[in-house]
Amino acid sequence: MGSLLVTVNGSLKGQVFPLANGPVSIGRDPSNPIAPADPFVSQRHCSIECDSKGRFHIVDLGSRNGTFVNGLPVGKRDLRHGDEIRLGQCVFFFIENQDHETSEVNSARLGEGMLPTNTVCELRRRIRPT
């Protein structure tokens, strides 16, 4: 199994998108392989690309509202396992799988979304001042 984008919020919540070696464009235009119905997502918002060494990168395509990885705006950035990608109201997690011999995605239902069972998610506790 290759790398995945798991949607945890927005119009595509609960969907899992496999990432191929070629570029995968994300944007509101229906011609994109990943096309969220979100007015804050540009027609051609960003692209996820895989280089010759198998590393994935995200590239903002001049979007109006920006592409964010782990809360920071990016133009181009390498992706790492567990990175949170936000475009408008859509939130994805980048899941990098090192087990390329597995041909099936095992999933567990979390609320209304789907996550691979071998996925580790880090939850950060926010402390509110008293």
N, C-alpha and C. Protein backbone atom coordinates (compact mmCIF):
# COMPACT_ATOMS: atom_id res chain seq x y z
N MET A 1 0.84 -1.16 0.00
CA MET A 1 0.00 0.00 0.00
C MET A 1 0.89 1.23 0.00
N GLY A 2 0.51 2.24 -0.76
CA GLY A 2 1.27 3.47 -0.81
C GLY A 2 0.79 4.46 0.22
N SER A 3 1.13 5.71 -0.01
CA SER A 3 0.73 6.77 0.90
C SER A 3 -0.70 7.19 0.64
N LEU A 4 -1.31 7.81 1.68
CA LEU A 4 -2.72 8.17 1.62
C LEU A 4 -2.95 9.58 2.14
N LEU A 5 -4.06 10.17 1.71
CA LEU A 5 -4.61 11.35 2.34
C LEU A 5 -5.92 10.92 2.97
N VAL A 6 -6.06 11.14 4.27
CA VAL A 6 -7.27 10.79 5.00
C VAL A 6 -7.96 12.10 5.36
N THR A 7 -9.22 12.25 4.94
CA THR A 7 -9.97 13.48 5.19
C THR A 7 -10.70 13.38 6.52
N VAL A 8 -10.42 14.31 7.43
CA VAL A 8 -11.04 14.28 8.75
C VAL A 8 -12.01 15.43 8.99
N ASN A 9 -12.07 16.41 8.07
CA ASN A 9 -13.03 17.50 8.22
C ASN A 9 -13.30 18.11 6.86
N GLY A 10 -14.48 18.65 6.69
CA GLY A 10 -14.85 19.31 5.45
C GLY A 10 -15.79 18.46 4.63
N SER A 11 -16.03 18.88 3.40
CA SER A 11 -17.02 18.23 2.55
C SER A 11 -16.65 16.79 2.16
N LEU A 12 -15.39 16.43 2.27
CA LEU A 12 -14.94 15.07 1.91
C LEU A 12 -14.66 14.22 3.15
N LYS A 13 -15.13 14.66 4.31
CA LYS A 13 -14.85 13.98 5.58
C LYS A 13 -15.15 12.49 5.49
N GLY A 14 -14.17 11.69 5.96
CA GLY A 14 -14.33 10.24 5.97
C GLY A 14 -13.78 9.54 4.74
N GLN A 15 -13.35 10.30 3.73
CA GLN A 15 -12.83 9.69 2.51
C GLN A 15 -11.31 9.53 2.60
N VAL A 16 -10.83 8.46 1.96
CA VAL A 16 -9.40 8.17 1.93
C VAL A 16 -8.96 8.19 0.46
N PHE A 17 -7.89 8.92 0.18
CA PHE A 17 -7.39 9.05 -1.19
C PHE A 17 -5.99 8.49 -1.30
N PRO A 18 -5.78 7.43 -2.11
CA PRO A 18 -4.42 6.93 -2.33
C PRO A 18 -3.63 7.94 -3.16
N LEU A 19 -2.36 8.07 -2.86
CA LEU A 19 -1.49 8.99 -3.60
C LEU A 19 -0.59 8.18 -4.52
N ALA A 20 -0.65 8.49 -5.79
CA ALA A 20 0.17 7.81 -6.79
C ALA A 20 1.51 8.53 -6.90
N ASN A 21 2.38 8.01 -7.76
CA ASN A 21 3.68 8.64 -7.97
C ASN A 21 3.59 9.93 -8.75
N GLY A 22 2.53 10.09 -9.55
CA GLY A 22 2.36 11.33 -10.30
C GLY A 22 1.72 12.39 -9.44
N PRO A 23 1.68 13.64 -9.91
CA PRO A 23 1.06 14.70 -9.12
C PRO A 23 -0.44 14.49 -8.97
N VAL A 24 -0.95 14.82 -7.79
CA VAL A 24 -2.38 14.75 -7.50
C VAL A 24 -2.82 16.17 -7.16
N SER A 25 -3.68 16.74 -8.00
CA SER A 25 -4.13 18.10 -7.75
C SER A 25 -5.38 18.09 -6.87
N ILE A 26 -5.46 19.12 -6.04
CA ILE A 26 -6.61 19.29 -5.16
C ILE A 26 -7.17 20.68 -5.43
N GLY A 27 -8.48 20.74 -5.62
CA GLY A 27 -9.13 22.02 -5.86
C GLY A 27 -10.61 21.82 -6.09
N ARG A 28 -11.34 22.92 -6.05
CA ARG A 28 -12.79 22.88 -6.17
C ARG A 28 -13.27 22.46 -7.56
N ASP A 29 -12.46 22.68 -8.58
CA ASP A 29 -12.85 22.28 -9.94
C ASP A 29 -13.03 20.77 -10.00
N PRO A 30 -14.13 20.28 -10.56
CA PRO A 30 -14.39 18.83 -10.59
C PRO A 30 -13.37 18.01 -11.39
N SER A 31 -12.52 18.67 -12.19
CA SER A 31 -11.50 17.93 -12.94
C SER A 31 -10.35 17.46 -12.05
N ASN A 32 -10.26 17.98 -10.83
CA ASN A 32 -9.22 17.55 -9.89
C ASN A 32 -9.56 16.17 -9.33
N PRO A 33 -8.57 15.30 -9.12
CA PRO A 33 -8.83 14.00 -8.50
C PRO A 33 -9.43 14.13 -7.09
N ILE A 34 -9.07 15.20 -6.38
CA ILE A 34 -9.62 15.49 -5.06
C ILE A 34 -10.27 16.86 -5.17
N ALA A 35 -11.62 16.87 -5.14
CA ALA A 35 -12.36 18.10 -5.41
C ALA A 35 -13.36 18.42 -4.30
N PRO A 36 -12.89 19.04 -3.21
CA PRO A 36 -13.81 19.39 -2.13
C PRO A 36 -14.77 20.51 -2.54
N ALA A 37 -16.01 20.41 -2.07
CA ALA A 37 -17.00 21.46 -2.30
C ALA A 37 -16.88 22.45 -1.15
N ASP A 38 -15.94 23.38 -1.29
CA ASP A 38 -15.64 24.33 -0.23
C ASP A 38 -15.34 25.67 -0.89
N PRO A 39 -16.12 26.70 -0.58
CA PRO A 39 -15.89 28.00 -1.23
C PRO A 39 -14.54 28.63 -0.89
N PHE A 40 -13.87 28.14 0.17
CA PHE A 40 -12.56 28.68 0.55
C PHE A 40 -11.40 27.93 -0.11
N VAL A 41 -11.72 26.92 -0.92
CA VAL A 41 -10.72 26.17 -1.68
C VAL A 41 -10.75 26.69 -3.11
N SER A 42 -9.59 27.03 -3.65
CA SER A 42 -9.50 27.54 -5.03
C SER A 42 -9.80 26.44 -6.04
N GLN A 43 -10.07 26.86 -7.27
CA GLN A 43 -10.35 25.89 -8.34
C GLN A 43 -9.19 24.90 -8.50
N ARG A 44 -7.99 25.40 -8.52
CA ARG A 44 -6.76 24.58 -8.51
C ARG A 44 -5.94 25.09 -7.34
N HIS A 45 -6.11 24.46 -6.18
CA HIS A 45 -5.58 24.98 -4.93
C HIS A 45 -4.13 24.56 -4.69
N CYS A 46 -3.87 23.24 -4.73
CA CYS A 46 -2.52 22.74 -4.47
C CYS A 46 -2.33 21.40 -5.17
N SER A 47 -1.11 20.92 -5.11
CA SER A 47 -0.76 19.65 -5.73
C SER A 47 0.16 18.88 -4.79
N ILE A 48 -0.03 17.57 -4.75
CA ILE A 48 0.88 16.72 -3.99
C ILE A 48 1.65 15.89 -5.01
N GLU A 49 2.98 15.96 -4.91
CA GLU A 49 3.86 15.32 -5.89
C GLU A 49 4.83 14.39 -5.20
N CYS A 50 5.23 13.36 -5.90
CA CYS A 50 6.21 12.41 -5.39
C CYS A 50 7.47 12.53 -6.23
N ASP A 51 8.63 12.68 -5.57
CA ASP A 51 9.88 12.81 -6.32
C ASP A 51 10.45 11.43 -6.65
N SER A 52 11.58 11.40 -7.31
CA SER A 52 12.19 10.14 -7.76
C SER A 52 12.64 9.25 -6.61
N LYS A 53 12.78 9.82 -5.41
CA LYS A 53 13.19 9.03 -4.24
C LYS A 53 12.00 8.57 -3.41
N GLY A 54 10.77 8.85 -3.91
CA GLY A 54 9.57 8.41 -3.20
C GLY A 54 9.10 9.33 -2.09
N ARG A 55 9.68 10.54 -2.02
CA ARG A 55 9.26 11.52 -1.01
C ARG A 55 8.15 12.39 -1.57
N PHE A 56 7.16 12.68 -0.74
CA PHE A 56 6.03 13.50 -1.17
C PHE A 56 6.22 14.95 -0.76
N HIS A 57 5.74 15.87 -1.62
CA HIS A 57 5.81 17.30 -1.40
C HIS A 57 4.45 17.89 -1.71
N ILE A 58 4.09 18.94 -1.00
CA ILE A 58 2.86 19.67 -1.31
C ILE A 58 3.27 21.03 -1.86
N VAL A 59 2.57 21.48 -2.90
CA VAL A 59 2.88 22.75 -3.56
C VAL A 59 1.60 23.56 -3.68
N ASP A 60 1.59 24.76 -3.12
CA ASP A 60 0.44 25.65 -3.29
C ASP A 60 0.47 26.19 -4.72
N LEU A 61 -0.67 26.20 -5.37
CA LEU A 61 -0.74 26.62 -6.78
C LEU A 61 -1.27 28.05 -6.91
N GLY A 62 -0.86 28.92 -5.98
CA GLY A 62 -1.31 30.31 -6.02
C GLY A 62 -2.73 30.47 -5.50
N SER A 63 -3.11 29.63 -4.56
CA SER A 63 -4.48 29.66 -4.02
C SER A 63 -4.75 31.00 -3.34
N ARG A 64 -6.01 31.36 -3.29
CA ARG A 64 -6.41 32.63 -2.70
C ARG A 64 -6.31 32.60 -1.17
N ASN A 65 -6.64 31.47 -0.53
CA ASN A 65 -6.68 31.40 0.93
C ASN A 65 -5.54 30.60 1.55
N GLY A 66 -4.62 30.10 0.74
CA GLY A 66 -3.44 29.44 1.26
C GLY A 66 -3.60 27.96 1.56
N THR A 67 -2.46 27.31 1.63
CA THR A 67 -2.33 25.90 1.99
C THR A 67 -1.54 25.86 3.28
N PHE A 68 -2.03 25.09 4.25
CA PHE A 68 -1.40 25.05 5.58
C PHE A 68 -1.01 23.62 5.92
N VAL A 69 0.21 23.45 6.42
CA VAL A 69 0.68 22.16 6.91
C VAL A 69 1.04 22.36 8.38
N ASN A 70 0.40 21.58 9.23
CA ASN A 70 0.60 21.69 10.68
C ASN A 70 0.41 23.13 11.17
N GLY A 71 -0.58 23.81 10.57
CA GLY A 71 -0.94 25.16 11.00
C GLY A 71 -0.13 26.28 10.39
N LEU A 72 0.89 25.96 9.58
CA LEU A 72 1.75 26.99 8.99
C LEU A 72 1.49 27.11 7.49
N PRO A 73 1.42 28.34 6.96
CA PRO A 73 1.23 28.50 5.51
C PRO A 73 2.46 28.02 4.75
N VAL A 74 2.24 27.36 3.62
CA VAL A 74 3.35 26.83 2.83
C VAL A 74 3.20 27.21 1.36
N GLY A 75 4.35 27.34 0.70
CA GLY A 75 4.41 27.47 -0.76
C GLY A 75 4.74 26.11 -1.34
N LYS A 76 5.80 25.50 -0.79
CA LYS A 76 6.20 24.14 -1.12
C LYS A 76 6.83 23.55 0.14
N ARG A 77 6.48 22.30 0.44
CA ARG A 77 6.98 21.69 1.67
C ARG A 77 7.00 20.18 1.52
N ASP A 78 8.03 19.56 2.08
CA ASP A 78 8.07 18.10 2.16
C ASP A 78 7.00 17.65 3.14
N LEU A 79 6.38 16.51 2.85
CA LEU A 79 5.37 15.96 3.76
C LEU A 79 5.97 14.81 4.55
N ARG A 80 5.57 14.73 5.81
CA ARG A 80 6.00 13.64 6.69
C ARG A 80 4.77 12.94 7.23
N HIS A 81 4.94 11.68 7.59
CA HIS A 81 3.85 10.89 8.14
C HIS A 81 3.17 11.63 9.28
N GLY A 82 1.85 11.75 9.20
CA GLY A 82 1.07 12.40 10.24
C GLY A 82 0.86 13.89 10.06
N ASP A 83 1.44 14.49 9.02
CA ASP A 83 1.24 15.92 8.80
C ASP A 83 -0.24 16.23 8.57
N GLU A 84 -0.69 17.34 9.15
CA GLU A 84 -2.05 17.82 8.95
C GLU A 84 -2.02 18.87 7.84
N ILE A 85 -2.87 18.68 6.83
CA ILE A 85 -2.97 19.60 5.70
C ILE A 85 -4.35 20.24 5.76
N ARG A 86 -4.37 21.59 5.72
CA ARG A 86 -5.66 22.29 5.77
C ARG A 86 -5.79 23.21 4.57
N LEU A 87 -6.92 23.07 3.87
CA LEU A 87 -7.29 23.93 2.76
C LEU A 87 -8.72 24.38 3.04
N GLY A 88 -8.93 25.63 3.28
CA GLY A 88 -10.27 26.09 3.64
C GLY A 88 -10.74 25.36 4.89
N GLN A 89 -11.92 24.74 4.81
CA GLN A 89 -12.45 23.99 5.94
C GLN A 89 -12.08 22.51 5.86
N CYS A 90 -11.36 22.11 4.84
CA CYS A 90 -10.98 20.71 4.67
C CYS A 90 -9.67 20.42 5.41
N VAL A 91 -9.67 19.33 6.16
CA VAL A 91 -8.47 18.92 6.88
C VAL A 91 -8.16 17.48 6.49
N PHE A 92 -6.92 17.26 6.08
CA PHE A 92 -6.43 15.94 5.68
C PHE A 92 -5.26 15.56 6.58
N PHE A 93 -5.04 14.27 6.74
CA PHE A 93 -3.81 13.78 7.34
C PHE A 93 -3.05 13.01 6.26
N PHE A 94 -1.75 13.28 6.16
CA PHE A 94 -0.88 12.55 5.24
C PHE A 94 -0.39 11.31 5.96
N ILE A 95 -0.68 10.16 5.40
CA ILE A 95 -0.27 8.88 5.97
C ILE A 95 0.72 8.22 5.03
N GLU A 96 1.94 8.07 5.52
CA GLU A 96 2.99 7.43 4.73
C GLU A 96 3.14 6.01 5.22
N ASN A 97 3.03 5.07 4.31
CA ASN A 97 3.10 3.66 4.70
C ASN A 97 4.40 3.07 4.19
N GLN A 98 5.16 2.48 5.10
CA GLN A 98 6.41 1.83 4.71
C GLN A 98 6.21 0.36 4.33
N ASP A 99 5.04 -0.20 4.61
CA ASP A 99 4.77 -1.61 4.29
C ASP A 99 4.14 -1.69 2.92
N HIS A 100 4.97 -1.77 1.89
CA HIS A 100 4.46 -1.78 0.52
C HIS A 100 3.98 -3.15 0.07
N GLU A 101 4.11 -4.17 0.91
CA GLU A 101 3.61 -5.49 0.53
C GLU A 101 2.15 -5.68 0.91
N THR A 102 1.61 -4.82 1.74
CA THR A 102 0.22 -4.92 2.14
C THR A 102 -0.64 -4.37 1.03
N SER A 103 -1.60 -5.16 0.56
CA SER A 103 -2.42 -4.72 -0.55
C SER A 103 -3.80 -4.26 -0.11
N GLU A 104 -4.08 -4.34 1.17
CA GLU A 104 -5.41 -4.00 1.65
C GLU A 104 -5.29 -2.97 2.78
N VAL A 105 -6.18 -2.01 2.77
CA VAL A 105 -6.21 -1.01 3.84
C VAL A 105 -7.18 -1.51 4.90
N ASN A 106 -6.68 -1.75 6.11
CA ASN A 106 -7.55 -2.10 7.22
C ASN A 106 -8.01 -0.79 7.83
N SER A 107 -9.31 -0.65 8.01
CA SER A 107 -9.84 0.60 8.51
C SER A 107 -10.68 0.39 9.75
N ALA A 108 -10.71 1.42 10.56
CA ALA A 108 -11.57 1.43 11.74
C ALA A 108 -12.39 2.70 11.69
N ARG A 109 -13.63 2.62 12.08
CA ARG A 109 -14.50 3.80 12.04
C ARG A 109 -14.25 4.65 13.28
N LEU A 110 -13.95 5.91 13.05
CA LEU A 110 -13.75 6.89 14.12
C LEU A 110 -14.78 7.97 13.91
N GLY A 111 -15.82 7.97 14.68
CA GLY A 111 -16.91 8.91 14.42
C GLY A 111 -17.49 8.59 13.06
N GLU A 112 -17.44 9.57 12.17
CA GLU A 112 -17.94 9.34 10.82
C GLU A 112 -16.79 9.18 9.82
N GLY A 113 -15.53 9.26 10.28
CA GLY A 113 -14.38 9.18 9.38
C GLY A 113 -13.73 7.82 9.41
N MET A 114 -12.85 7.60 8.46
CA MET A 114 -12.13 6.33 8.37
C MET A 114 -10.64 6.61 8.50
N LEU A 115 -9.95 5.80 9.30
CA LEU A 115 -8.51 5.88 9.41
C LEU A 115 -7.94 4.47 9.34
N PRO A 116 -6.79 4.28 8.70
CA PRO A 116 -6.15 2.96 8.73
C PRO A 116 -5.86 2.56 10.17
N THR A 117 -6.05 1.27 10.49
CA THR A 117 -5.88 0.83 11.88
C THR A 117 -4.45 0.91 12.35
N ASN A 118 -3.48 0.88 11.44
CA ASN A 118 -2.09 0.95 11.87
C ASN A 118 -1.58 2.39 11.95
N THR A 119 -2.51 3.35 11.98
CA THR A 119 -2.16 4.76 12.04
C THR A 119 -2.06 5.22 13.48
N VAL A 120 -1.03 5.95 13.79
CA VAL A 120 -0.87 6.54 15.11
C VAL A 120 -1.11 8.03 14.96
N CYS A 121 -2.06 8.56 15.71
CA CYS A 121 -2.36 9.98 15.69
C CYS A 121 -1.95 10.59 17.02
N GLU A 122 -1.27 11.70 16.96
CA GLU A 122 -0.87 12.40 18.17
C GLU A 122 -1.94 13.43 18.50
N LEU A 123 -2.47 13.37 19.70
CA LEU A 123 -3.46 14.33 20.15
C LEU A 123 -2.77 15.32 21.07
N ARG A 124 -2.92 16.58 20.80
CA ARG A 124 -2.30 17.60 21.62
C ARG A 124 -3.35 18.22 22.53
N ARG A 125 -3.05 18.29 23.78
CA ARG A 125 -3.96 18.87 24.75
C ARG A 125 -3.70 20.36 24.83
N ARG A 126 -4.76 21.12 24.68
CA ARG A 126 -4.65 22.57 24.77
C ARG A 126 -5.05 22.98 26.18
N ILE A 127 -4.16 23.69 26.83
CA ILE A 127 -4.42 24.13 28.20
C ILE A 127 -4.91 25.57 28.14
N ARG A 128 -6.06 25.78 28.73
CA ARG A 128 -6.63 27.12 28.76
C ARG A 128 -6.18 27.85 30.02
N PRO A 129 -5.81 29.09 29.90
CA PRO A 129 -5.39 29.83 31.10
C PRO A 129 -6.57 30.02 32.04
N THR A 130 -6.31 30.00 33.33
CA THR A 130 -7.38 30.18 34.32
C THR A 130 -7.55 31.61 34.73
